[in-house]
Amino acid sequence: MGLLEQLEWINWKQLSDEEKLTVFQKALSMFVCPTIEISYMALADFELCGIKCRTIELEIDGELFVFVPGNNEAILGWDSGAEGLRAHELLGFNQNDLEIVRLKLL
């Protein structure tokens, strides 16, 4: 199995902690310039909607990053077309809340 295949979710979750660190260090050597400072790297556990993932978090040039293993079957976005949800709907506000905020700003 090649490096990129090991970085896919289906394979990544089968790797031991030691194998994850080794594979990720190989990926870093291929995709990150060696002059860039990586000051922190550790295994971390994350969970979203019941899906758990043990992966790598690292700090590159002072910015914190989390490696998210690939998934060829991931669906990004939704089928609502260009209309979708407005920002205030995502934040849980209704139209009346927006009017109140506008009045306070005036």
Protein backbone atom coordinates (compact mmCIF):
# COMPACT_ATOMS: atom_id res chain seq x y z
CA MET A 1 0.00 0.00 0.00
CA GLY A 2 1.36 3.40 -0.98
CA LEU A 3 1.72 6.48 1.19
CA LEU A 4 -1.33 8.28 -0.18
CA GLU A 5 -3.50 5.19 0.32
CA GLN A 6 -2.36 5.02 3.95
CA LEU A 7 -3.57 8.61 4.43
CA GLU A 8 -7.11 7.64 3.43
CA TRP A 9 -9.59 7.23 6.29
CA ILE A 10 -10.38 3.58 5.60
CA ASN A 11 -6.69 2.65 5.99
CA TRP A 12 -5.63 5.35 8.47
CA LYS A 13 -7.99 4.09 11.17
CA GLN A 14 -6.33 0.64 10.96
CA LEU A 15 -2.81 1.98 11.64
CA SER A 16 -1.19 1.83 15.08
CA ASP A 17 -0.14 5.10 16.71
CA GLU A 18 3.49 4.45 15.76
CA GLU A 19 2.53 3.74 12.13
CA LYS A 20 0.41 6.92 11.99
CA LEU A 21 3.35 9.03 13.13
CA THR A 22 5.71 7.35 10.65
CA VAL A 23 3.32 7.71 7.70
CA PHE A 24 2.55 11.33 8.57
CA GLN A 25 6.23 12.23 8.89
CA LYS A 26 6.79 10.78 5.40
CA ALA A 27 3.91 12.88 4.08
CA LEU A 28 5.35 15.98 5.72
CA SER A 29 8.72 15.34 4.08
CA MET A 30 6.98 15.15 0.68
CA PHE A 31 4.57 18.08 0.99
CA VAL A 32 6.08 20.59 3.45
CA CYS A 33 9.21 22.60 2.71
CA PRO A 34 12.03 21.47 5.05
CA THR A 35 12.82 25.08 6.02
CA ILE A 36 9.36 25.52 7.56
CA GLU A 37 9.36 25.10 11.33
CA ILE A 38 7.17 22.40 12.84
CA SER A 39 7.32 23.18 16.54
CA TYR A 40 4.71 20.70 17.82
CA MET A 41 3.30 17.40 16.61
CA ALA A 42 1.23 14.90 18.59
CA LEU A 43 -1.52 12.34 18.29
CA ALA A 44 -4.94 13.66 19.28
CA ASP A 45 -8.46 12.24 19.49
CA PHE A 46 -11.36 14.00 17.81
CA GLU A 47 -15.05 13.17 17.58
CA LEU A 48 -17.90 14.60 15.52
CA CYS A 49 -21.43 13.18 15.37
CA GLY A 50 -20.25 9.92 16.91
CA ILE A 51 -17.37 9.41 14.47
CA LYS A 52 -14.06 9.17 16.32
CA CYS A 53 -10.67 9.76 14.78
CA ARG A 54 -7.19 9.51 16.26
CA THR A 55 -5.04 11.74 14.13
CA ILE A 56 -2.19 14.23 14.18
CA GLU A 57 -2.27 17.83 15.31
CA LEU A 58 0.75 19.99 14.62
CA GLU A 59 1.97 23.55 14.69
CA ILE A 60 3.54 24.92 11.52
CA ASP A 61 5.05 28.40 11.70
CA GLY A 62 2.94 29.20 14.75
CA GLU A 63 -0.37 28.00 13.23
CA LEU A 64 -2.17 24.94 14.62
CA PHE A 65 -3.29 22.31 12.09
CA VAL A 66 -5.14 19.01 12.35
CA PHE A 67 -4.65 16.28 9.76
CA VAL A 68 -7.99 15.01 8.48
CA PRO A 69 -7.62 11.60 6.77
CA GLY A 70 -8.99 11.45 3.22
CA ASN A 71 -12.24 9.85 2.18
CA ASN A 72 -13.08 9.37 -1.50
CA GLU A 73 -16.77 9.08 -0.68
CA ALA A 74 -17.05 12.32 1.33
CA ILE A 75 -19.89 14.61 0.33
CA LEU A 76 -19.16 18.28 0.82
CA GLY A 77 -21.99 20.80 0.82
CA TRP A 78 -25.64 20.09 0.20
CA ASP A 79 -28.12 19.98 -2.67
CA SER A 80 -29.86 23.28 -1.87
CA GLY A 81 -28.37 25.00 -4.89
CA ALA A 82 -27.33 28.63 -4.82
CA GLU A 83 -29.98 29.58 -2.28
CA GLY A 84 -28.89 27.29 0.57
CA LEU A 85 -29.00 28.76 4.06
CA ARG A 86 -28.39 32.38 4.90
CA ALA A 87 -25.75 33.17 7.51
CA HIS A 88 -28.31 34.30 10.10
CA GLU A 89 -30.17 30.99 9.71
CA LEU A 90 -26.96 29.05 10.33
CA LEU A 91 -26.38 31.09 13.48
CA GLY A 92 -29.92 30.46 14.72
CA PHE A 93 -31.29 33.98 14.21
CA ASN A 94 -34.62 34.73 12.62
CA GLN A 95 -35.58 37.81 10.56
CA ASN A 96 -37.00 39.59 13.65
CA ASP A 97 -33.67 39.19 15.48
CA LEU A 98 -31.92 40.84 12.54
CA GLU A 99 -34.30 43.81 12.62
CA ILE A 100 -33.61 44.29 16.33
CA VAL A 101 -29.86 44.22 15.69
CA ARG A 102 -30.23 46.75 12.87
CA LEU A 103 -32.21 49.11 15.11
CA LYS A 104 -29.58 48.88 17.85
CA LEU A 105 -26.84 49.71 15.36
CA LEU A 106 -28.68 52.81 14.14
